[in-house]
Amino acid sequence: MSERLFNQLTKKCFSLAIITLVCILLLEHFLFLNADAASANAYEAGVRIGDWIEYNQTWNPTPTAFAYPLLIKREILNVEGAVLTINTTQALSNGTIASETKTGNVVEGSEPCTVTFIPANLEIGDVTTLRYNPDDPSKIESVTINGETTKTYLGVERTVIYANFSYMGSENLAYWDKEKGALLEINVLGTYEIITTVRGTNMWTASGVNPLLGFQAMVLIIILMSLAFILLYGYMQSTRRKTSRRKKKSSH
């Protein structure tokens, strides 16, 4: 390999690296624009099949007339637009485990989505519905999103939306993950004070890394490894030619 050819290959590798990074950045920008447009056009679920979330729940005073949930897990089995099929498992205070699978709608606020899952990417002033019993209009509430902030859950800072509302005779303050539309915590004050807080989920990673950033890093590593290989190959070829020349001169 001549030095001229080696230099040409090196320049091409650097150009390829720059072009690839620019393409990735443009792709990322395009995907985010599409996501924003989609969220602006329709109320849809933000969760995906396989997502799950677990909660701790405390009651004060402690109920004595019935078994109450201590731990709750909700797993998404199917998603069709705003319609979710959810398996709910509860560890009750009497030591038993209860589990059921039901289908609800995040836009209509029907069970098992009521409170736990709302449409993704709601903004301040948007309205969501809580429908405990669709056959009883008195148990339907419209909830207006009051604010947006950032809070840390499970070691990750998340953008959350929140609302104060009355529901079935209780006063409530709820926080939802904005991107996922999943409940993160709620304080219910009625006959009992019931505090529900997230204790685990697979909806985001502990590092909070954007998957696109991981893809960028992977592509960049591949490019750098290829460049290093070409440079090493060029160096070995150049060294071999110099050695060959010295041998020819010594033989003369």
C-alpha atoms as a PDB file:
ATOM      1  CA  MET A   1       0.000   0.000   0.000  1.00  0.00           C
ATOM      2  CA  SER A   2       1.480   3.340  -1.088  1.00  0.00           C
ATOM      3  CA  GLU A   3       1.472   6.308   1.252  1.00  0.00           C
ATOM      4  CA  ARG A   4      -0.784   8.159  -1.166  1.00  0.00           C
ATOM      5  CA  LEU A   5      -3.368   5.362  -1.148  1.00  0.00           C
ATOM      6  CA  PHE A   6      -3.095   5.089   2.627  1.00  0.00           C
ATOM      7  CA  ASN A   7      -3.776   8.814   3.043  1.00  0.00           C
ATOM      8  CA  GLN A   8      -6.762   8.589   0.707  1.00  0.00           C
ATOM      9  CA  LEU A   9      -8.270   5.731   2.736  1.00  0.00           C
ATOM     10  CA  THR A  10      -7.723   7.653   5.976  1.00  0.00           C
ATOM     11  CA  LYS A  11      -9.524  10.711   4.603  1.00  0.00           C
ATOM     12  CA  LYS A  12     -12.394   8.536   3.370  1.00  0.00           C
ATOM     13  CA  CYS A  13     -12.785   6.959   6.822  1.00  0.00           C
ATOM     14  CA  PHE A  14     -12.971  10.343   8.527  1.00  0.00           C
ATOM     15  CA  SER A  15     -15.485  11.553   5.931  1.00  0.00           C
ATOM     16  CA  LEU A  16     -17.575   8.406   6.430  1.00  0.00           C
ATOM     17  CA  ALA A  17     -17.572   8.933  10.198  1.00  0.00           C
ATOM     18  CA  ILE A  18     -18.769  12.540   9.860  1.00  0.00           C
ATOM     19  CA  ILE A  19     -21.490  11.651   7.320  1.00  0.00           C
ATOM     20  CA  THR A  20     -22.732   8.765   9.475  1.00  0.00           C
ATOM     21  CA  LEU A  21     -22.986  10.924  12.600  1.00  0.00           C
ATOM     22  CA  VAL A  22     -24.854  13.643  10.693  1.00  0.00           C
ATOM     23  CA  CYS A  23     -27.310  11.047   9.347  1.00  0.00           C
ATOM     24  CA  ILE A  24     -27.894   9.660  12.853  1.00  0.00           C
ATOM     25  CA  LEU A  25     -28.568  13.130  14.263  1.00  0.00           C
ATOM     26  CA  LEU A  26     -31.020  13.879  11.441  1.00  0.00           C
ATOM     27  CA  LEU A  27     -32.766  10.523  11.993  1.00  0.00           C
ATOM     28  CA  GLU A  28     -33.059  11.205  15.711  1.00  0.00           C
ATOM     29  CA  HIS A  29     -34.517  14.660  15.037  1.00  0.00           C
ATOM     30  CA  PHE A  30     -37.009  13.203  12.536  1.00  0.00           C
ATOM     31  CA  LEU A  31     -38.139  10.493  14.965  1.00  0.00           C
ATOM     32  CA  PHE A  32     -38.696  12.992  17.766  1.00  0.00           C
ATOM     33  CA  LEU A  33     -40.706  15.271  15.448  1.00  0.00           C
ATOM     34  CA  ASN A  34     -42.896  12.357  14.408  1.00  0.00           C
ATOM     35  CA  ALA A  35     -43.410  11.345  18.028  1.00  0.00           C
ATOM     36  CA  ASP A  36     -44.431  14.878  18.966  1.00  0.00           C
ATOM     37  CA  ALA A  37     -46.820  15.102  16.026  1.00  0.00           C
ATOM     38  CA  ALA A  38     -48.405  11.758  16.869  1.00  0.00           C
ATOM     39  CA  SER A  39     -48.936  12.718  20.483  1.00  0.00           C
ATOM     40  CA  ALA A  40     -50.498  16.016  19.426  1.00  0.00           C
ATOM     41  CA  ASN A  41     -52.969  14.363  17.061  1.00  0.00           C
ATOM     42  CA  ALA A  42     -54.409  11.609  19.250  1.00  0.00           C
ATOM     43  CA  TYR A  43     -54.737  10.373  22.793  1.00  0.00           C
ATOM     44  CA  GLU A  44     -53.000   7.007  22.954  1.00  0.00           C
ATOM     45  CA  ALA A  45     -51.363   4.759  25.474  1.00  0.00           C
ATOM     46  CA  GLY A  46     -47.671   5.322  26.117  1.00  0.00           C
ATOM     47  CA  VAL A  47     -46.992   1.846  27.487  1.00  0.00           C
ATOM     48  CA  ARG A  48     -46.007  -1.156  25.387  1.00  0.00           C
ATOM     49  CA  ILE A  49     -46.541  -4.902  25.535  1.00  0.00           C
ATOM     50  CA  GLY A  50     -44.334  -6.362  28.264  1.00  0.00           C
ATOM     51  CA  ASP A  51     -44.185  -3.159  30.338  1.00  0.00           C
ATOM     52  CA  TRP A  52     -44.871  -3.650  34.040  1.00  0.00           C
ATOM     53  CA  ILE A  53     -44.995  -1.504  37.127  1.00  0.00           C
ATOM     54  CA  GLU A  54     -45.194  -2.377  40.840  1.00  0.00           C
ATOM     55  CA  TYR A  55     -46.504  -0.332  43.772  1.00  0.00           C
ATOM     56  CA  ASN A  56     -46.350  -0.288  47.542  1.00  0.00           C
ATOM     57  CA  GLN A  57     -49.614   0.680  49.203  1.00  0.00           C
ATOM     58  CA  THR A  58     -50.246   1.783  52.785  1.00  0.00           C
ATOM     59  CA  TRP A  59     -53.587   2.341  54.555  1.00  0.00           C
ATOM     60  CA  ASN A  60     -54.271   4.523  57.575  1.00  0.00           C
ATOM     61  CA  PRO A  61     -56.033   3.567  59.756  1.00  0.00           C
ATOM     62  CA  THR A  62     -55.456  -0.120  59.086  1.00  0.00           C
ATOM     63  CA  PRO A  63     -58.679  -1.762  57.841  1.00  0.00           C
ATOM     64  CA  THR A  64     -59.964  -4.638  59.978  1.00  0.00           C
ATOM     65  CA  ALA A  65     -63.120  -5.584  58.095  1.00  0.00           C
ATOM     66  CA  PHE A  66     -61.457  -6.605  54.829  1.00  0.00           C
ATOM     67  CA  ALA A  67     -58.150  -7.630  53.259  1.00  0.00           C
ATOM     68  CA  TYR A  68     -56.430  -4.735  51.513  1.00  0.00           C
ATOM     69  CA  PRO A  69     -53.554  -4.565  48.994  1.00  0.00           C
ATOM     70  CA  LEU A  70     -49.990  -4.170  50.204  1.00  0.00           C
ATOM     71  CA  LEU A  71     -48.230  -4.757  46.891  1.00  0.00           C
ATOM     72  CA  ILE A  72     -49.681  -4.301  43.407  1.00  0.00           C
ATOM     73  CA  LYS A  73     -48.198  -5.270  40.046  1.00  0.00           C
ATOM     74  CA  ARG A  74     -49.687  -4.373  36.673  1.00  0.00           C
ATOM     75  CA  GLU A  75     -48.311  -5.932  33.494  1.00  0.00           C
ATOM     76  CA  ILE A  76     -49.284  -4.900  29.960  1.00  0.00           C
ATOM     77  CA  LEU A  77     -50.293  -7.954  27.921  1.00  0.00           C
ATOM     78  CA  ASN A  78     -51.632  -6.197  24.820  1.00  0.00           C
ATOM     79  CA  VAL A  79     -51.891  -2.684  23.383  1.00  0.00           C
ATOM     80  CA  GLU A  80     -54.223  -1.521  20.602  1.00  0.00           C
ATOM     81  CA  GLY A  81     -54.185   2.262  20.390  1.00  0.00           C
ATOM     82  CA  ALA A  82     -55.801   3.403  23.632  1.00  0.00           C
ATOM     83  CA  VAL A  83     -56.968  -0.075  24.659  1.00  0.00           C
ATOM     84  CA  LEU A  84     -54.860  -2.055  27.125  1.00  0.00           C
ATOM     85  CA  THR A  85     -55.101  -5.617  28.336  1.00  0.00           C
ATOM     86  CA  ILE A  86     -53.602  -5.708  31.820  1.00  0.00           C
ATOM     87  CA  ASN A  87     -52.836  -8.459  34.296  1.00  0.00           C
ATOM     88  CA  THR A  88     -53.100  -7.151  37.865  1.00  0.00           C
ATOM     89  CA  THR A  89     -51.586  -9.099  40.757  1.00  0.00           C
ATOM     90  CA  GLN A  90     -52.111  -8.018  44.368  1.00  0.00           C
ATOM     91  CA  ALA A  91     -50.504  -9.242  47.574  1.00  0.00           C
ATOM     92  CA  LEU A  92     -53.207  -8.778  50.197  1.00  0.00           C
ATOM     93  CA  SER A  93     -52.938  -8.099  53.914  1.00  0.00           C
ATOM     94  CA  ASN A  94     -54.297 -11.561  54.784  1.00  0.00           C
ATOM     95  CA  GLY A  95     -51.376 -13.250  53.021  1.00  0.00           C
ATOM     96  CA  THR A  96     -53.236 -14.237  49.858  1.00  0.00           C
ATOM     97  CA  ILE A  97     -52.439 -13.371  46.249  1.00  0.00           C
ATOM     98  CA  ALA A  98     -55.156 -12.147  43.885  1.00  0.00           C
ATOM     99  CA  SER A  99     -54.698 -11.967  40.127  1.00  0.00           C
ATOM    100  CA  GLU A 100     -56.975 -11.008  37.221  1.00  0.00           C
ATOM    101  CA  THR A 101     -56.719  -9.943  33.582  1.00  0.00           C
ATOM    102  CA  LYS A 102     -58.982  -7.239  32.198  1.00  0.00           C
ATOM    103  CA  THR A 103     -59.147  -4.888  29.212  1.00  0.00           C
ATOM    104  CA  GLY A 104     -59.659  -1.130  29.567  1.00  0.00           C
ATOM    105  CA  ASN A 105     -59.277   2.135  27.683  1.00  0.00           C
ATOM    106  CA  VAL A 106     -56.912   4.936  28.744  1.00  0.00           C
ATOM    107  CA  VAL A 107     -59.041   7.592  27.007  1.00  0.00           C
ATOM    108  CA  GLU A 108     -62.335   6.434  28.525  1.00  0.00           C
ATOM    109  CA  GLY A 109     -60.644   5.794  31.876  1.00  0.00           C
ATOM    110  CA  SER A 110     -62.267   2.386  32.240  1.00  0.00           C
ATOM    111  CA  GLU A 111     -61.009  -0.338  34.552  1.00  0.00           C
ATOM    112  CA  PRO A 112     -58.299  -1.530  34.897  1.00  0.00           C
ATOM    113  CA  CYS A 113     -56.842   1.698  33.436  1.00  0.00           C
ATOM    114  CA  THR A 114     -58.729   3.956  35.877  1.00  0.00           C
ATOM    115  CA  VAL A 115     -56.165   6.286  37.490  1.00  0.00           C
ATOM    116  CA  THR A 116     -53.312   3.812  36.893  1.00  0.00           C
ATOM    117  CA  PHE A 117     -52.938   4.505  33.162  1.00  0.00           C
ATOM    118  CA  ILE A 118     -53.910   7.681  31.297  1.00  0.00           C
ATOM    119  CA  PRO A 119     -53.064   8.866  27.747  1.00  0.00           C
ATOM    120  CA  ALA A 120     -49.388   9.604  27.120  1.00  0.00           C
ATOM    121  CA  ASN A 121     -47.932  13.104  26.799  1.00  0.00           C
ATOM    122  CA  LEU A 122     -50.834  15.062  28.274  1.00  0.00           C
ATOM    123  CA  GLU A 123     -50.205  18.759  28.809  1.00  0.00           C
ATOM    124  CA  ILE A 124     -51.318  21.210  31.482  1.00  0.00           C
ATOM    125  CA  GLY A 125     -55.035  21.880  30.971  1.00  0.00           C
ATOM    126  CA  ASP A 126     -55.708  18.583  29.173  1.00  0.00           C
ATOM    127  CA  VAL A 127     -58.586  16.516  30.548  1.00  0.00           C
ATOM    128  CA  THR A 128     -58.601  12.779  31.233  1.00  0.00           C
ATOM    129  CA  THR A 129     -61.505  10.625  32.375  1.00  0.00           C
ATOM    130  CA  LEU A 130     -61.812   8.296  35.346  1.00  0.00           C
ATOM    131  CA  ARG A 131     -64.610   5.783  34.880  1.00  0.00           C
ATOM    132  CA  TYR A 132     -64.991   3.328  37.743  1.00  0.00           C
ATOM    133  CA  ASN A 133     -68.301   1.934  36.516  1.00  0.00           C
ATOM    134  CA  PRO A 134     -69.454   2.802  32.968  1.00  0.00           C
ATOM    135  CA  ASP A 135     -73.040   1.850  33.887  1.00  0.00           C
ATOM    136  CA  ASP A 136     -73.195   4.443  36.688  1.00  0.00           C
ATOM    137  CA  PRO A 137     -72.695   8.065  35.448  1.00  0.00           C
ATOM    138  CA  SER A 138     -72.167   9.253  39.035  1.00  0.00           C
ATOM    139  CA  LYS A 139     -68.892   7.353  39.108  1.00  0.00           C
ATOM    140  CA  ILE A 140     -67.401   9.172  36.128  1.00  0.00           C
ATOM    141  CA  GLU A 141     -65.018  12.053  36.798  1.00  0.00           C
ATOM    142  CA  SER A 142     -63.187  14.433  34.452  1.00  0.00           C
ATOM    143  CA  VAL A 143     -59.706  15.263  35.711  1.00  0.00           C
ATOM    144  CA  THR A 144     -57.762  18.294  34.492  1.00  0.00           C
ATOM    145  CA  ILE A 145     -53.968  18.159  34.510  1.00  0.00           C
ATOM    146  CA  ASN A 146     -52.836  20.903  36.908  1.00  0.00           C
ATOM    147  CA  GLY A 147     -49.091  20.971  36.368  1.00  0.00           C
ATOM    148  CA  GLU A 148     -45.854  19.475  35.113  1.00  0.00           C
ATOM    149  CA  THR A 149     -42.547  19.011  36.917  1.00  0.00           C
ATOM    150  CA  THR A 150     -39.584  16.659  37.261  1.00  0.00           C
ATOM    151  CA  LYS A 151     -39.256  14.142  40.067  1.00  0.00           C
ATOM    152  CA  THR A 152     -36.894  11.270  40.809  1.00  0.00           C
ATOM    153  CA  TYR A 153     -38.313   7.751  40.903  1.00  0.00           C
ATOM    154  CA  LEU A 154     -36.199   4.623  41.358  1.00  0.00           C
ATOM    155  CA  GLY A 155     -33.061   6.715  40.916  1.00  0.00           C
ATOM    156  CA  VAL A 156     -34.154   8.238  37.586  1.00  0.00           C
ATOM    157  CA  GLU A 157     -35.365  11.783  36.987  1.00  0.00           C
ATOM    158  CA  ARG A 158     -38.667  11.702  35.108  1.00  0.00           C
ATOM    159  CA  THR A 159     -40.959  14.353  33.673  1.00  0.00           C
ATOM    160  CA  VAL A 160     -44.285  13.994  35.454  1.00  0.00           C
ATOM    161  CA  ILE A 161     -47.729  15.563  35.248  1.00  0.00           C
ATOM    162  CA  TYR A 162     -50.027  15.855  38.248  1.00  0.00           C
ATOM    163  CA  ALA A 163     -53.604  16.629  39.219  1.00  0.00           C
ATOM    164  CA  ASN A 164     -55.693  17.301  42.302  1.00  0.00           C
ATOM    165  CA  PHE A 165     -59.193  15.905  42.008  1.00  0.00           C
ATOM    166  CA  SER A 166     -62.202  14.550  43.885  1.00  0.00           C
ATOM    167  CA  TYR A 167     -63.202  10.992  43.100  1.00  0.00           C
ATOM    168  CA  MET A 168     -65.894   8.836  44.715  1.00  0.00           C
ATOM    169  CA  GLY A 169     -65.926  10.883  47.906  1.00  0.00           C
ATOM    170  CA  SER A 170     -62.155  11.182  48.334  1.00  0.00           C
ATOM    171  CA  GLU A 171     -59.599  13.922  47.684  1.00  0.00           C
ATOM    172  CA  ASN A 172     -56.669  12.857  45.551  1.00  0.00           C
ATOM    173  CA  LEU A 173     -53.251  14.047  44.433  1.00  0.00           C
ATOM    174  CA  ALA A 174     -51.784  11.917  41.652  1.00  0.00           C
ATOM    175  CA  TYR A 175     -48.531  11.985  39.682  1.00  0.00           C
ATOM    176  CA  TRP A 176     -48.159  10.233  36.317  1.00  0.00           C
ATOM    177  CA  ASP A 177     -45.120   9.679  34.127  1.00  0.00           C
ATOM    178  CA  LYS A 178     -45.737  12.023  31.195  1.00  0.00           C
ATOM    179  CA  GLU A 179     -44.123   9.856  28.507  1.00  0.00           C
ATOM    180  CA  LYS A 180     -45.721   6.586  29.615  1.00  0.00           C
ATOM    181  CA  GLY A 181     -48.969   7.830  31.135  1.00  0.00           C
ATOM    182  CA  ALA A 182     -48.389   5.472  34.066  1.00  0.00           C
ATOM    183  CA  LEU A 183     -49.265   6.341  37.653  1.00  0.00           C
ATOM    184  CA  LEU A 184     -46.189   6.901  39.819  1.00  0.00           C
ATOM    185  CA  GLU A 185     -47.802   7.916  43.091  1.00  0.00           C
ATOM    186  CA  ILE A 186     -51.180   8.900  44.496  1.00  0.00           C
ATOM    187  CA  ASN A 187     -52.387  10.073  47.900  1.00  0.00           C
ATOM    188  CA  VAL A 188     -56.070   9.325  48.521  1.00  0.00           C
ATOM    189  CA  LEU A 189     -57.735  11.033  51.499  1.00  0.00           C
ATOM    190  CA  GLY A 190     -61.195   9.762  52.362  1.00  0.00           C
ATOM    191  CA  THR A 191     -62.426   7.258  54.937  1.00  0.00           C
ATOM    192  CA  TYR A 192     -58.852   5.995  54.805  1.00  0.00           C
ATOM    193  CA  GLU A 193     -55.653   7.683  53.800  1.00  0.00           C
ATOM    194  CA  ILE A 194     -54.227   5.458  51.074  1.00  0.00           C
ATOM    195  CA  ILE A 195     -50.722   6.149  49.774  1.00  0.00           C
ATOM    196  CA  THR A 196     -49.582   4.318  46.656  1.00  0.00           C
ATOM    197  CA  THR A 197     -46.001   4.688  45.374  1.00  0.00           C
ATOM    198  CA  VAL A 198     -44.044   3.000  42.601  1.00  0.00           C
ATOM    199  CA  ARG A 199     -41.532   0.401  43.834  1.00  0.00           C
ATOM    200  CA  GLY A 200     -40.288  -1.077  40.553  1.00  0.00           C
ATOM    201  CA  THR A 201     -40.763  -0.974  36.777  1.00  0.00           C
ATOM    202  CA  ASN A 202     -39.091  -1.944  33.491  1.00  0.00           C
ATOM    203  CA  MET A 203     -40.438   1.105  31.653  1.00  0.00           C
ATOM    204  CA  TRP A 204     -37.152   2.974  31.891  1.00  0.00           C
ATOM    205  CA  THR A 205     -33.556   2.010  32.607  1.00  0.00           C
ATOM    206  CA  ALA A 206     -31.701   2.932  35.769  1.00  0.00           C
ATOM    207  CA  SER A 207     -29.319   5.040  33.727  1.00  0.00           C
ATOM    208  CA  GLY A 208     -32.085   6.810  31.856  1.00  0.00           C
ATOM    209  CA  VAL A 209     -30.081   6.582  28.619  1.00  0.00           C
ATOM    210  CA  ASN A 210     -31.858   7.371  25.380  1.00  0.00           C
ATOM    211  CA  PRO A 211     -31.737   4.199  23.189  1.00  0.00           C
ATOM    212  CA  LEU A 212     -30.793   6.370  20.188  1.00  0.00           C
ATOM    213  CA  LEU A 213     -27.725   7.569  22.053  1.00  0.00           C
ATOM    214  CA  GLY A 214     -26.694   3.957  22.578  1.00  0.00           C
ATOM    215  CA  PHE A 215     -27.133   3.328  18.858  1.00  0.00           C
ATOM    216  CA  GLN A 216     -24.990   6.359  18.057  1.00  0.00           C
ATOM    217  CA  ALA A 217     -22.255   5.115  20.355  1.00  0.00           C
ATOM    218  CA  MET A 218     -22.340   1.654  18.762  1.00  0.00           C
ATOM    219  CA  VAL A 219     -22.019   3.064  15.229  1.00  0.00           C
ATOM    220  CA  LEU A 220     -19.198   5.378  16.295  1.00  0.00           C
ATOM    221  CA  ILE A 221     -17.304   2.504  17.925  1.00  0.00           C
ATOM    222  CA  ILE A 222     -17.587   0.427  14.725  1.00  0.00           C
ATOM    223  CA  ILE A 223     -16.290   3.331  12.647  1.00  0.00           C
ATOM    224  CA  LEU A 224     -13.372   3.966  15.003  1.00  0.00           C
ATOM    225  CA  MET A 225     -12.467   0.262  15.059  1.00  0.00           C
ATOM    226  CA  SER A 226     -12.496   0.170  11.244  1.00  0.00           C
ATOM    227  CA  LEU A 227     -10.333   3.271  11.090  1.00  0.00           C
ATOM    228  CA  ALA A 228      -7.897   1.816  13.621  1.00  0.00           C
ATOM    229  CA  PHE A 229      -7.670  -1.391  11.567  1.00  0.00           C
ATOM    230  CA  ILE A 230      -6.903   0.552   8.366  1.00  0.00           C
ATOM    231  CA  LEU A 231      -4.273   2.664  10.112  1.00  0.00           C
ATOM    232  CA  LEU A 232      -2.673  -0.408  11.649  1.00  0.00           C
ATOM    233  CA  TYR A 233      -2.714  -2.227   8.320  1.00  0.00           C
ATOM    234  CA  GLY A 234      -1.170   0.789   6.599  1.00  0.00           C
ATOM    235  CA  TYR A 235       1.531   1.057   9.272  1.00  0.00           C
ATOM    236  CA  MET A 236       2.380  -2.658   8.968  1.00  0.00           C
ATOM    237  CA  GLN A 237       2.575  -2.393   5.180  1.00  0.00           C
ATOM    238  CA  SER A 238       4.796   0.677   5.389  1.00  0.00           C
ATOM    239  CA  THR A 239       7.094  -1.036   7.913  1.00  0.00           C
ATOM    240  CA  ARG A 240       7.270  -4.124   5.709  1.00  0.00           C
ATOM    241  CA  ARG A 241       8.280  -2.079   2.670  1.00  0.00           C
ATOM    242  CA  LYS A 242      11.007  -0.256   4.618  1.00  0.00           C
ATOM    243  CA  THR A 243      12.365  -3.567   5.912  1.00  0.00           C
ATOM    244  CA  SER A 244      12.348  -4.995   2.388  1.00  0.00           C
ATOM    245  CA  ARG A 245      14.249  -1.968   1.072  1.00  0.00           C
ATOM    246  CA  ARG A 246      16.898  -2.262   3.776  1.00  0.00           C
ATOM    247  CA  LYS A 247      17.386  -5.919   2.969  1.00  0.00           C
ATOM    248  CA  LYS A 248      17.806  -5.156  -0.726  1.00  0.00           C
ATOM    249  CA  LYS A 249      20.368  -2.474   0.028  1.00  0.00           C
ATOM    250  CA  SER A 250      22.339  -4.750   2.355  1.00  0.00           C
ATOM    251  CA  SER A 251      22.361  -7.523  -0.241  1.00  0.00           C
ATOM    252  CA  HIS A 252      24.012  -5.132  -2.713  1.00  0.00           C
END
